Amino acid sequence: MNGSLSVGLLLTWLGTLSVVTFIGSLLVVPWLILQMPPDYFIRHRLEVMERHRRHPVVTVLMFCVRNGVGFVLLTAGIAMLLLPGQGILTMLIGFSLMDLPGKHRLLEKVLENSKVQRSLNWIRRKGGREDLIFN
């Protein structure tokens, strides 16, 4: 009886997590996309290089915060590939926040996809923002 209670409780928690993740992605992902300046993907690489020239303590702190938030979004996006939610866009935002080797090449490759560009700009148009610039 105790084992079945644990399985039932686990399924309840997983179901609740799925609903919260889905609703959260519907609210947070579009909000993050709307916060990006139109030239975000063009000037992002320059901003990363500038960020690395700051005071070492600030650099390490920002590295930890950005990678922590990015990892949470990337993990949630991967989960949303199986659960309801905007998995690909959540993964893209999480990955773009992180400072990883090879990130810029992979991000540029993903952003070459016209479906990804259309999805991002569709959300921006719905929010009354101008389209993102990718080249």
Protein backbone atom coordinates (compact mmCIF):
# COMPACT_ATOMS: atom_id res chain seq x y z
CA MET A 1 0.00 0.00 0.00
CA ASN A 2 2.83 2.40 0.87
CA GLY A 3 4.50 1.79 -2.54
CA SER A 4 1.29 2.58 -4.45
CA LEU A 5 0.82 5.72 -2.41
CA SER A 6 4.31 6.84 -3.40
CA VAL A 7 3.64 6.15 -7.08
CA GLY A 8 0.34 8.01 -6.90
CA LEU A 9 1.96 10.95 -5.16
CA LEU A 10 4.78 10.98 -7.73
CA LEU A 11 2.28 10.99 -10.60
CA THR A 12 0.36 13.82 -8.96
CA TRP A 13 3.55 15.88 -8.61
CA LEU A 14 4.58 15.15 -12.21
CA GLY A 15 1.15 16.14 -13.47
CA THR A 16 1.24 19.35 -11.45
CA LEU A 17 4.75 20.12 -12.67
CA SER A 18 3.62 19.55 -16.25
CA VAL A 19 0.72 22.00 -15.89
CA VAL A 20 2.88 24.63 -14.14
CA THR A 21 5.63 24.27 -16.77
CA PHE A 22 3.12 24.60 -19.60
CA ILE A 23 1.45 27.70 -18.17
CA GLY A 24 4.82 29.18 -17.20
CA SER A 25 6.16 28.70 -20.71
CA LEU A 26 3.10 30.37 -22.22
CA LEU A 27 3.76 33.42 -20.05
CA VAL A 28 7.54 33.62 -19.61
CA VAL A 29 8.83 32.66 -23.08
CA PRO A 30 6.86 35.31 -24.99
CA TRP A 31 7.73 37.92 -22.36
CA LEU A 32 11.46 37.14 -22.73
CA ILE A 33 11.23 37.29 -26.53
CA LEU A 34 9.49 40.67 -26.30
CA GLN A 35 12.26 42.01 -24.01
CA MET A 36 14.99 41.36 -26.59
CA PRO A 37 16.13 44.39 -28.58
CA PRO A 38 15.62 43.88 -32.35
CA ASP A 39 19.39 43.53 -32.93
CA TYR A 40 19.91 41.16 -29.96
CA PHE A 41 21.36 38.30 -31.99
CA ILE A 42 23.71 40.62 -33.89
CA ARG A 43 25.19 42.51 -30.95
CA HIS A 44 25.02 39.66 -28.43
CA ARG A 45 28.52 38.38 -29.25
CA LEU A 46 30.02 41.86 -28.78
CA GLU A 47 28.26 42.24 -25.44
CA VAL A 48 29.64 38.90 -24.25
CA MET A 49 33.19 40.02 -25.07
CA GLU A 50 32.59 43.32 -23.25
CA ARG A 51 31.10 41.51 -20.25
CA HIS A 52 34.27 39.44 -19.88
CA ARG A 53 36.35 42.64 -19.49
CA ARG A 54 34.52 43.71 -16.30
CA HIS A 55 35.77 43.26 -12.77
CA PRO A 56 36.53 39.55 -12.12
CA VAL A 57 34.01 39.25 -9.27
CA VAL A 58 31.22 40.77 -11.37
CA THR A 59 32.23 38.55 -14.30
CA VAL A 60 32.05 35.36 -12.21
CA LEU A 61 28.78 36.41 -10.56
CA MET A 62 27.15 37.22 -13.92
CA PHE A 63 28.50 33.97 -15.38
CA CYS A 64 26.88 31.96 -12.58
CA VAL A 65 23.53 33.78 -12.74
CA ARG A 66 23.26 33.69 -16.55
CA ASN A 67 24.29 30.04 -16.78
CA GLY A 68 22.00 29.08 -13.89
CA VAL A 69 18.94 30.73 -15.42
CA GLY A 70 19.93 29.48 -18.89
CA PHE A 71 20.33 25.92 -17.60
CA VAL A 72 16.90 25.99 -15.96
CA LEU A 73 15.31 27.23 -19.20
CA LEU A 74 17.26 24.75 -21.32
CA THR A 75 16.23 21.87 -19.05
CA ALA A 76 12.61 23.02 -19.04
CA GLY A 77 12.70 23.27 -22.84
CA ILE A 78 14.01 19.73 -23.14
CA ALA A 79 11.24 18.54 -20.82
CA MET A 80 8.69 20.43 -22.94
CA LEU A 81 9.66 18.33 -25.93
CA LEU A 82 7.76 15.56 -24.12
CA LEU A 83 5.45 17.69 -21.97
CA PRO A 84 3.17 20.49 -23.14
CA GLY A 85 4.94 23.80 -23.75
CA GLN A 86 7.11 25.76 -26.15
CA GLY A 87 10.12 23.48 -25.96
CA ILE A 88 12.26 24.67 -28.87
CA LEU A 89 11.82 28.38 -28.11
CA THR A 90 12.47 27.82 -24.38
CA MET A 91 15.64 25.86 -25.21
CA LEU A 92 16.75 28.63 -27.60
CA ILE A 93 16.30 31.34 -24.97
CA GLY A 94 18.02 29.27 -22.28
CA PHE A 95 20.92 28.46 -24.56
CA SER A 96 21.29 32.09 -25.67
CA LEU A 97 21.63 33.19 -22.02
CA MET A 98 24.45 30.74 -21.28
CA ASP A 99 28.17 31.32 -21.82
CA LEU A 100 29.41 28.10 -23.41
CA PRO A 101 32.14 27.26 -25.93
CA GLY A 102 30.68 26.90 -29.43
CA LYS A 103 27.45 28.58 -28.37
CA HIS A 104 27.58 31.30 -31.01
CA ARG A 105 28.11 28.86 -33.88
CA LEU A 106 25.25 26.63 -32.73
CA LEU A 107 22.97 29.61 -32.08
CA GLU A 108 23.68 31.01 -35.54
CA LYS A 109 22.93 27.60 -37.08
CA VAL A 110 19.58 27.36 -35.26
CA LEU A 111 18.69 30.95 -36.19
CA GLU A 112 19.31 30.21 -39.88
CA ASN A 113 16.14 28.12 -39.77
CA SER A 114 13.32 30.20 -41.26
CA LYS A 115 10.71 28.47 -39.07
CA VAL A 116 12.54 29.57 -35.91
CA GLN A 117 12.82 33.13 -37.25
CA ARG A 118 9.12 33.21 -38.18
CA SER A 119 8.11 31.88 -34.74
CA LEU A 120 10.18 34.46 -32.88
CA ASN A 121 8.95 37.35 -35.04
CA TRP A 122 5.33 36.18 -34.87
CA ILE A 123 5.48 36.51 -31.08
CA ARG A 124 7.11 39.94 -31.40
CA ARG A 125 4.46 41.17 -33.84
CA LYS A 126 1.69 39.96 -31.51
CA GLY A 127 3.36 42.01 -28.76
CA GLY A 128 3.63 45.12 -30.94
CA ARG A 129 7.43 44.92 -31.27
CA GLU A 130 9.51 45.15 -34.42
CA ASP A 131 11.00 41.99 -35.93
CA LEU A 132 14.32 40.62 -34.77
CA ILE A 133 17.27 41.10 -37.12
CA PHE A 134 19.17 37.87 -37.76
CA ASN A 135 21.92 38.91 -40.23
